[in-house]
Protein backbone atom coordinates (compact mmCIF):
# COMPACT_ATOMS: atom_id res chain seq x y z
CA MET A 1 0.00 0.00 0.00
CA SER A 2 2.83 2.36 0.91
CA ARG A 3 4.47 1.62 -2.46
CA VAL A 4 1.27 2.49 -4.28
CA LEU A 5 1.03 5.76 -2.35
CA TYR A 6 4.71 6.44 -2.98
CA PHE A 7 4.54 5.86 -6.71
CA GLY A 8 1.19 7.66 -6.91
CA GLY A 9 2.64 10.65 -5.12
CA SER A 10 5.71 10.59 -7.37
CA LEU A 11 3.60 10.52 -10.51
CA LEU A 12 1.48 13.36 -9.17
CA GLY A 13 4.60 15.36 -8.41
CA ILE A 14 6.00 14.73 -11.89
CA LEU A 15 2.69 15.73 -13.42
CA LEU A 16 2.60 18.97 -11.41
CA CYS A 17 6.18 19.73 -12.45
CA MET A 18 5.30 19.16 -16.10
CA LEU A 19 2.23 21.39 -15.81
CA SER A 20 4.29 24.08 -14.14
CA PHE A 21 6.88 23.87 -16.90
CA VAL A 22 4.18 24.14 -19.61
CA PHE A 23 2.66 27.12 -17.79
CA LEU A 24 6.08 28.78 -17.59
CA VAL A 25 6.75 28.24 -21.30
CA CYS A 26 3.32 29.62 -22.20
CA TYR A 27 3.84 32.64 -19.98
CA ILE A 28 7.27 33.36 -21.52
CA PHE A 29 5.78 32.97 -25.00
CA TYR A 30 2.88 35.29 -24.18
CA TYR A 31 5.23 37.86 -22.65
CA SER A 32 7.48 37.72 -25.72
CA ILE A 33 4.56 38.22 -28.09
CA HIS A 34 3.31 40.97 -25.80
CA ARG A 35 6.62 42.83 -26.10
CA ILE A 36 6.88 42.26 -29.86
CA PHE A 37 3.48 43.82 -30.48
CA THR A 38 4.33 46.68 -28.15
CA ARG A 39 7.48 47.44 -30.09
CA LEU A 40 5.53 47.15 -33.36
CA ILE A 41 3.06 49.81 -32.25
CA VAL A 42 5.89 52.10 -31.18
CA LEU A 43 7.75 51.64 -34.48
CA LEU A 44 4.62 52.33 -36.51
CA TYR A 45 3.40 55.38 -34.69
CA ALA A 46 6.29 56.96 -32.78
CA PRO A 47 7.40 59.08 -35.80
CA HIS A 48 3.97 60.76 -35.88
CA LEU A 49 3.54 61.44 -32.14
CA GLN A 50 4.39 64.36 -29.92
CA SER A 51 4.37 64.64 -26.15
CA CYS A 52 1.02 65.86 -24.85
CA ASP A 53 -1.02 66.16 -21.69
CA SER A 54 -3.93 63.99 -20.63
CA GLY A 55 -7.07 64.83 -22.62
CA ASP A 56 -5.29 66.71 -25.43
CA ARG A 57 -6.07 65.98 -29.07
CA MET A 58 -3.91 66.55 -32.11
CA SER A 59 -3.90 65.43 -35.74
CA ILE A 60 -1.32 63.13 -37.29
CA GLN A 61 -0.65 61.88 -40.78
CA THR A 62 -2.55 58.95 -42.24
CA ASN A 63 -1.30 55.73 -40.73
CA PRO A 64 1.29 53.65 -42.63
CA TYR A 65 -1.32 51.34 -44.18
CA GLY A 66 -3.27 54.19 -45.74
CA SER A 67 -6.61 53.35 -44.13
CA THR A 68 -8.24 53.06 -40.73
CA PHE A 69 -6.04 51.07 -38.34
CA PHE A 70 -7.86 51.49 -35.03
CA VAL A 71 -11.56 52.32 -35.13
CA LYS A 72 -14.90 52.52 -33.35
CA SER A 73 -13.98 53.62 -29.87
CA ILE A 74 -12.82 56.59 -27.81
CA SER A 75 -11.86 54.92 -24.56
CA TYR A 76 -9.21 52.57 -23.25
CA GLN A 77 -10.66 49.80 -25.42
CA VAL A 78 -9.83 50.11 -29.10
CA MET A 79 -11.33 47.92 -31.86
CA ASN A 80 -13.75 46.23 -29.45
CA ASP A 81 -11.14 45.31 -26.83
CA LEU A 82 -8.43 44.68 -29.43
CA TRP A 83 -5.75 46.94 -28.00
CA GLN A 84 -5.06 49.01 -24.95
CA VAL A 85 -1.92 50.92 -25.81
CA SER A 86 0.45 53.10 -23.81
CA VAL A 87 3.59 54.30 -25.55
CA PHE A 88 7.14 55.31 -24.48
CA GLU A 89 8.03 58.92 -23.65
CA MET A 90 5.53 58.79 -20.77
CA TYR A 91 2.38 59.40 -22.78
CA CYS A 92 -0.54 57.15 -23.60
CA VAL A 93 -2.17 57.33 -27.03
CA MET A 94 -5.04 55.86 -28.98
CA ILE A 95 -5.85 56.26 -32.66
CA ASP A 96 -9.44 56.91 -33.63
CA GLY A 97 -11.13 56.44 -37.02
CA GLU A 98 -10.20 59.94 -38.21
CA GLY A 99 -6.48 59.49 -37.68
CA THR A 100 -6.48 61.61 -34.50
CA VAL A 101 -4.23 60.99 -31.52
CA ILE A 102 -6.13 61.05 -28.24
CA CYS A 103 -3.88 61.31 -25.20
CA LEU A 104 -5.40 59.50 -22.25
CA GLN A 105 -2.87 59.61 -19.44
CA ARG A 106 0.82 59.50 -18.73
CA ASP A 107 1.79 55.86 -18.45
CA PHE A 108 4.42 53.20 -19.14
CA ILE A 109 4.32 50.73 -22.02
CA SER A 110 1.53 48.18 -21.78
CA ILE A 111 -0.56 46.30 -24.27
CA LYS A 112 -3.64 44.14 -23.98
CA MET A 113 -4.99 42.20 -26.89
CA GLY A 114 -8.18 40.28 -27.63
CA TRP A 115 -7.37 37.54 -30.14
CA SER A 116 -10.86 37.23 -31.61
CA SER A 117 -10.94 40.98 -32.22
CA PHE A 118 -7.44 40.86 -33.72
CA LEU A 119 -8.59 38.24 -36.21
CA ARG A 120 -11.44 40.53 -37.26
CA SER A 121 -9.41 43.74 -37.36
CA GLU A 122 -7.71 45.32 -40.34
CA MET A 123 -4.37 44.31 -38.83
CA PHE A 124 -5.23 40.80 -39.97
CA PRO A 125 -4.32 40.73 -43.70
CA ALA A 126 -7.45 38.87 -44.85
CA ASN A 127 -9.60 41.55 -43.24
CA LYS A 128 -7.42 44.22 -44.81
CA PHE A 129 -8.24 42.75 -48.23
CA ALA A 130 -11.94 42.81 -47.36
CA ALA A 131 -11.65 46.43 -46.19
CA VAL A 132 -9.95 47.47 -49.44
CA SER A 133 -12.67 45.65 -51.38
CA ARG A 134 -15.42 47.30 -49.34
CA ALA A 135 -13.99 50.76 -49.93
CA ALA A 136 -13.71 50.19 -53.69
CA ASN A 137 -17.21 48.72 -53.91
CA SER A 138 -18.78 51.64 -52.04
CA THR A 139 -18.79 53.76 -55.21
CA LEU A 140 -19.48 50.91 -57.63
CA ASN A 141 -22.30 51.35 -60.14
CA LEU A 142 -23.18 48.13 -61.97
CA ASN A 143 -26.51 49.22 -63.44
CA GLY A 144 -27.15 47.20 -66.59
CA LYS A 145 -24.48 44.59 -65.80
CA ASN A 146 -25.39 40.90 -65.55
CA ALA A 147 -23.92 38.69 -62.84
CA VAL A 148 -24.50 34.95 -62.51
CA VAL A 149 -23.68 33.35 -59.14
CA ILE A 150 -23.46 29.56 -59.08
CA GLY A 151 -24.04 28.44 -55.50
CA GLY A 152 -25.68 31.73 -54.61
CA THR A 153 -28.33 30.33 -52.30
CA GLN A 154 -26.21 30.31 -49.12
CA GLY A 155 -22.90 31.24 -47.53
CA ILE A 156 -20.29 33.01 -49.62
CA GLY A 157 -22.31 32.73 -52.83
CA ALA A 158 -25.34 34.39 -51.23
CA ALA A 159 -23.15 37.20 -49.87
CA ILE A 160 -21.67 37.84 -53.32
CA ALA A 161 -25.12 37.80 -54.93
CA LEU A 162 -26.40 40.35 -52.38
CA ARG A 163 -23.38 42.60 -52.91
CA PHE A 164 -23.83 42.54 -56.68
CA ALA A 165 -27.51 43.42 -56.21
CA ALA A 166 -26.62 46.31 -53.88
CA SER A 167 -24.43 47.76 -56.64
CA GLY A 168 -27.27 47.69 -59.13
CA ALA A 169 -26.40 44.57 -61.15
CA ASN A 170 -28.95 42.10 -62.48
CA VAL A 171 -28.26 38.89 -60.55
CA HIS A 172 -29.13 35.36 -61.62
CA ILE A 173 -28.78 32.91 -58.72
CA VAL A 174 -28.17 29.24 -59.55
CA GLY A 175 -28.60 26.62 -56.84
CA ARG A 176 -30.55 23.55 -55.80
CA SER A 177 -32.86 25.21 -53.26
CA THR A 178 -35.63 27.39 -54.64
CA ASP A 179 -36.74 28.44 -51.14
CA ALA A 180 -33.22 29.56 -50.17
CA ALA A 181 -32.89 31.51 -53.43
CA GLN A 182 -36.19 33.28 -52.80
CA ASP A 183 -34.98 34.25 -49.32
CA ILE A 184 -31.86 35.85 -50.84
CA ILE A 185 -33.94 37.67 -53.46
CA SER A 186 -36.28 38.96 -50.73
CA GLN A 187 -33.29 40.20 -48.68
CA ALA A 188 -31.89 42.03 -51.69
CA LYS A 189 -35.20 43.75 -52.39
CA GLU A 190 -35.60 44.73 -48.74
CA HIS A 191 -32.24 46.49 -48.96
CA GLY A 192 -33.29 48.42 -52.07
CA ALA A 193 -31.66 46.38 -54.85
CA LYS A 194 -32.28 48.12 -58.18
CA GLY A 195 -31.37 45.27 -60.52
CA ASN A 196 -33.47 42.31 -61.52
CA LEU A 197 -32.95 39.18 -59.41
CA THR A 198 -33.85 35.73 -60.72
CA HIS A 199 -33.25 32.11 -59.80
CA GLU A 200 -32.71 28.89 -61.68
CA ARG A 201 -32.50 25.45 -60.15
CA ALA A 202 -29.58 23.26 -61.21
CA ASP A 203 -27.33 20.53 -59.82
CA ILE A 204 -23.73 21.46 -60.70
CA SER A 205 -22.49 17.97 -59.77
CA SER A 206 -24.36 16.67 -62.84
CA MET A 207 -22.86 17.32 -66.28
CA ALA A 208 -26.27 16.74 -67.87
CA SER A 209 -27.76 19.39 -65.60
CA ILE A 210 -24.96 21.79 -66.57
CA ARG A 211 -25.70 21.30 -70.26
CA LYS A 212 -29.37 22.05 -69.62
CA LEU A 213 -28.40 25.14 -67.61
CA ALA A 214 -26.06 26.36 -70.36
CA ASN A 215 -28.80 26.09 -72.99
CA SER A 216 -31.16 28.06 -70.76
CA MET A 217 -28.54 30.75 -70.08
CA LYS A 218 -27.63 31.12 -73.74
CA GLU A 219 -31.26 31.88 -74.50
CA LYS A 220 -31.66 34.22 -71.51
CA TYR A 221 -28.53 36.25 -72.25
CA LYS A 222 -28.33 35.98 -76.03
CA ASP A 223 -28.79 39.76 -76.48
CA THR A 224 -26.85 41.11 -73.49
CA GLY A 225 -24.32 38.51 -72.43
CA ILE A 226 -23.00 37.69 -68.95
CA ASP A 227 -20.53 40.18 -67.49
CA TYR A 228 -19.55 38.26 -64.34
CA LEU A 229 -19.71 34.57 -63.53
CA VAL A 230 -18.96 33.57 -59.93
CA GLN A 231 -18.82 29.94 -58.82
CA THR A 232 -18.85 29.06 -55.13
CA ALA A 233 -20.71 25.71 -55.04
CA GLY A 234 -18.72 23.01 -53.27
CA GLY A 235 -16.31 23.08 -50.37
CA PRO A 236 -13.37 21.36 -48.67
CA PRO A 237 -13.20 17.59 -49.24
CA SER A 238 -14.30 15.34 -46.40
CA GLY A 239 -12.48 12.22 -47.60
CA LYS A 240 -15.71 10.32 -48.21
CA ILE A 241 -16.45 8.59 -51.49
CA ILE A 242 -20.06 9.25 -52.51
CA GLU A 243 -21.11 7.94 -55.89
CA GLY A 244 -22.84 10.51 -58.09
CA PRO A 245 -25.61 9.74 -60.57
CA GLU A 246 -23.23 9.87 -63.55
CA GLY A 247 -20.51 7.60 -62.14
CA MET A 248 -18.26 10.37 -60.79
CA GLU A 249 -17.47 10.85 -57.11
CA LYS A 250 -19.93 13.56 -56.09
CA ALA A 251 -17.62 16.02 -54.29
CA PHE A 252 -15.11 15.93 -57.16
CA ALA A 253 -17.92 16.38 -59.67
CA LEU A 254 -19.21 19.46 -57.82
CA GLN A 255 -15.96 21.12 -56.75
CA CYS A 256 -13.87 20.50 -59.86
CA MET A 257 -15.73 19.17 -62.87
CA GLY A 258 -18.80 21.33 -62.21
CA ARG A 259 -16.82 24.57 -62.07
CA PHE A 260 -14.81 23.75 -65.16
CA TYR A 261 -17.66 22.49 -67.31
CA THR A 262 -20.05 25.31 -66.35
CA ALA A 263 -17.47 27.97 -67.20
CA TYR A 264 -16.52 26.17 -70.42
CA SER A 265 -20.17 25.84 -71.48
CA LEU A 266 -21.02 29.51 -70.78
CA ILE A 267 -18.06 31.10 -72.58
CA PRO A 268 -20.09 31.60 -75.81
CA VAL A 269 -22.56 33.81 -73.93
CA MET A 270 -20.07 35.87 -71.88
CA ASN A 271 -20.13 39.61 -72.66
CA THR A 272 -16.83 40.59 -74.34
CA ARG A 273 -17.85 43.99 -75.75
CA SER A 274 -15.87 45.90 -73.10
CA GLY A 275 -12.97 43.46 -72.91
CA PRO A 276 -12.67 39.97 -71.43
CA ALA A 277 -15.50 38.94 -69.12
CA ARG A 278 -14.55 37.93 -65.60
CA ILE A 279 -15.02 34.44 -64.11
CA VAL A 280 -14.22 33.93 -60.41
CA TRP A 281 -13.88 30.59 -58.65
CA VAL A 282 -13.93 30.65 -54.86
CA ALA A 283 -12.05 27.52 -53.78
CA ALA A 284 -8.41 26.70 -52.91
CA PRO A 285 -5.65 27.96 -55.24
CA GLY A 286 -1.90 27.64 -55.05
CA GLN A 287 -1.48 24.09 -53.70
CA GLY A 288 -0.82 22.29 -56.97
CA TYR A 289 2.28 20.41 -55.86
CA MET A 290 0.90 16.90 -56.18
CA SER A 291 0.99 15.04 -59.47
CA LEU A 292 -2.47 14.00 -60.62
CA ASP A 293 -2.98 10.30 -61.27
CA PHE A 294 -5.47 10.07 -64.13
CA ASP A 295 -6.15 6.44 -63.25
CA ASP A 296 -7.30 7.45 -59.75
CA ILE A 297 -8.03 11.18 -59.88
CA GLU A 298 -10.95 10.73 -57.45
CA GLN A 299 -8.61 9.18 -54.85
CA ARG A 300 -10.73 6.05 -54.40
CA LYS A 301 -7.67 3.91 -53.62
CA SER A 302 -6.37 6.10 -50.76
CA SER A 303 -7.24 5.49 -47.10
CA LEU A 304 -9.44 8.08 -45.35
CA ILE A 305 -6.90 10.48 -43.75
CA PRO A 306 -4.45 10.65 -46.69
CA ARG A 307 -7.46 10.78 -49.03
CA THR A 308 -8.81 13.95 -47.43
CA LEU A 309 -5.45 15.69 -47.82
CA ARG A 310 -4.83 14.37 -51.33
CA GLN A 311 -8.33 15.37 -52.46
CA GLY A 312 -7.63 18.92 -51.28
CA LEU A 313 -4.33 19.07 -53.19
CA ARG A 314 -6.02 17.55 -56.23
CA ASP A 315 -8.82 20.14 -56.17
CA SER A 316 -6.28 22.96 -56.05
CA ALA A 317 -4.17 21.56 -58.90
CA PHE A 318 -7.23 20.80 -61.02
CA LEU A 319 -8.84 24.24 -60.65
CA ASP A 320 -5.60 26.19 -61.03
CA SER A 321 -4.84 24.24 -64.22
CA MET A 322 -8.31 24.74 -65.67
CA ALA A 323 -8.33 28.47 -64.81
CA ILE A 324 -5.08 28.91 -66.74
CA GLU A 325 -6.21 26.81 -69.70
CA LEU A 326 -9.69 28.39 -69.95
CA THR A 327 -8.10 31.84 -70.08
CA LYS A 328 -5.34 30.85 -72.47
CA ARG A 329 -7.68 29.03 -74.89
CA ASN A 330 -10.23 31.87 -74.85
CA LYS A 331 -7.93 34.87 -74.99
CA ASP A 332 -9.73 38.24 -75.15
CA LYS A 333 -12.98 36.49 -74.14
CA VAL A 334 -12.62 35.57 -70.46
CA ILE A 335 -10.22 35.80 -67.53
CA VAL A 336 -10.61 33.17 -64.81
CA HIS A 337 -9.47 34.11 -61.30
CA HIS A 338 -9.20 31.51 -58.53
CA VAL A 339 -9.62 32.93 -55.00
CA PHE A 340 -9.10 31.38 -51.57
CA PRO A 341 -11.71 32.62 -49.05
CA GLY A 342 -9.86 31.72 -45.86
CA LEU A 343 -11.87 30.78 -42.76
CA VAL A 344 -15.44 31.95 -43.31
CA ASN A 345 -18.48 31.27 -41.14
CA THR A 346 -20.55 29.03 -43.43
CA ASN A 347 -22.12 25.56 -43.43
CA ALA A 348 -19.51 24.15 -45.82
CA MET A 349 -18.46 21.30 -43.50
CA VAL A 350 -22.06 20.17 -43.02
CA ASN A 351 -22.77 20.43 -46.74
CA GLN A 352 -19.67 18.41 -47.58
CA GLY A 353 -20.64 15.58 -45.23
CA PHE A 354 -17.96 15.92 -42.55
CA PRO A 355 -18.55 13.74 -39.44
CA LYS A 356 -20.83 15.31 -36.85
CA TRP A 357 -18.16 15.31 -34.12
CA MET A 358 -15.76 17.17 -36.42
CA VAL A 359 -18.39 19.79 -37.25
CA GLN A 360 -19.17 20.26 -33.55
CA PHE A 361 -15.48 20.59 -32.72
CA ALA A 362 -15.00 23.19 -35.47
CA ASN A 363 -18.04 25.10 -34.22
CA LEU A 364 -16.36 25.59 -30.83
CA GLY A 365 -13.87 28.01 -32.32
CA LYS A 366 -15.91 29.27 -35.24
CA SER A 367 -16.83 32.59 -33.67
CA PHE A 368 -13.19 33.30 -32.79
CA VAL A 369 -11.37 32.52 -36.03
CA THR A 370 -13.87 32.84 -38.89
CA ARG A 371 -14.97 35.89 -40.83
CA PRO A 372 -18.55 36.65 -41.87
CA PRO A 373 -19.59 35.72 -45.44
CA GLU A 374 -20.20 39.43 -46.12
CA ASP A 375 -16.43 39.97 -46.18
CA MET A 376 -16.11 37.50 -49.05
CA GLY A 377 -19.13 39.14 -50.67
CA GLU A 378 -17.08 42.32 -50.89
CA VAL A 379 -13.97 40.47 -52.08
CA GLY A 380 -15.86 38.48 -54.73
CA VAL A 381 -17.39 41.58 -56.30
CA TYR A 382 -14.09 43.46 -56.09
CA VAL A 383 -12.15 40.70 -57.87
CA CYS A 384 -14.83 40.66 -60.58
CA THR A 385 -14.83 44.40 -61.18
CA THR A 386 -11.48 45.98 -60.30
CA HIS A 387 -9.24 47.03 -63.14
CA ASP A 388 -6.21 45.91 -61.12
CA PHE A 389 -7.12 42.25 -61.54
CA GLY A 390 -7.99 42.47 -65.22
CA LYS A 391 -5.48 44.75 -66.91
CA THR A 392 -2.84 42.06 -67.49
CA GLY A 393 -5.25 39.63 -69.10
CA GLU A 394 -3.72 36.87 -67.00
CA PRO A 395 -5.60 34.48 -64.69
CA LEU A 396 -4.77 35.13 -61.05
CA ARG A 397 -4.58 32.84 -58.07
CA LEU A 398 -5.28 34.92 -54.96
CA ASP A 399 -4.89 33.95 -51.31
CA SER A 400 -7.28 35.24 -48.65
CA TRP A 401 -5.00 38.25 -48.12
CA GLY A 402 -5.22 39.27 -51.79
CA GLY A 403 -1.67 38.08 -52.47
CA ARG A 404 -0.89 36.63 -55.89
CA LEU A 405 0.20 32.99 -55.91
CA LYS A 406 2.59 31.56 -58.48
CA GLU A 407 2.16 28.52 -60.68
CA THR A 408 3.89 25.77 -58.74
CA GLY A 409 4.76 22.12 -59.10
CA TRP A 410 2.58 20.06 -61.35
CA VAL A 411 0.42 23.01 -62.42
CA GLY A 412 3.44 24.91 -63.75
CA ASP A 413 4.02 22.37 -66.55
CA PRO A 414 1.94 23.22 -69.68
CA GLN A 415 1.97 19.59 -70.81
CA ASN A 416 0.33 18.50 -67.56
CA ARG A 417 -2.38 21.13 -67.95
CA GLU A 418 -3.06 20.18 -71.56
CA LYS A 419 -3.37 16.51 -70.65
CA LEU A 420 -5.77 17.38 -67.83
CA TRP A 421 -7.82 19.60 -70.17
CA ASP A 422 -8.27 16.77 -72.67
CA TRP A 423 -9.16 14.31 -69.91
CA ALA A 424 -11.64 16.63 -68.17
CA LEU A 425 -13.41 17.77 -71.33
CA LYS A 426 -13.83 14.20 -72.58
CA LYS A 427 -15.09 13.11 -69.16
CA ALA A 428 -17.59 15.99 -68.92
CA GLU A 429 -18.92 15.67 -72.45
CA SER A 430 -19.57 11.94 -72.09
CA ALA A 431 -21.09 12.04 -68.60
CA GLY A 432 -24.87 11.82 -68.33
CA ARG A 433 -25.44 10.93 -71.96
CA GLU A 434 -27.39 7.88 -73.00
CA LYS A 435 -25.21 5.20 -74.51
CA GLY A 436 -26.15 3.84 -77.84
């Protein structure tokens, strides 16, 4: 009995020592980050500041990023508890939305940070991209323009459809749920949308359904053409293999084949009178390192965990390749941009069939690390309309920060892309057709 107590006490002591060590490491790490951010604030703003007394106000130059850095508060809390800042030289400052220094009290350096607010602030690069997009879109007039949003009945697609409508565009929403589409149309009208909003039901995981949709769209837009085509249907792969009605794995058919074949089929009706029309895919660019195995492109032979990862890499390589080839083969007609949304608060994991426990686990941190779909609504419209992303005539692969990604690995080889083009087009054209 004494041995049991002895060993039990020893194990408990070791455990407490380990916990103490972990706590110490975490504290040192936090303190280091704390000091780094403090120094960052000083380096950014010290050149613009002067010594002042408590309560004084004075103007400074626009901050180094050229837009609002700290906003929405005139108190110790800045950006909804993001920062509490006191700077060297024995004065405490805070930056408001007008670029004004507000001296609060004489103090020593200290900083407090709320991580969830940081992830939503313009200091976080993805939010900076959304803020730039929002500012550009605020003066946008798309009266008379036609936008088609595939997957526009929920999430990112719905946000993009609503933003197009707010700018005056005619918006055609394509999705499987008529009720959800009507809800989006009602929301747009409630917010004063001037353009015409319509809906068409289609299943983008079916090549036969895409052909039917293309015929309908060619008739609908034969006189005006489509100015912007945005495709958001699909989501991150779950690793499951679900057989589709036409023999293709369903997630691959929706995420990859559906985007490619829809864009390919609608090119004849895209509006090219004012230059190349814009096509935007919201998915996962820039990860095309893995070679695609045409004998097992759906990853049926892989086990579950590697399959999930390999499906993600495959999707990226496939869509990057097709974006390049669609643009190259239809020069002066369309430009296809592939955009990564980052972490956005949507139902993508549920829609893609992820296990319930994984969805529940992800939901625990969703409010802390995800952005609202409205941010991607701004980004989607901006990428479609800005001259900056169209003047070169080249397809772009953009990360969630707006950074431009290079052609890498397998995708960078033109022969690989041409082989994939031939394979995908043959596969799409034959799918869903009666044999005979």
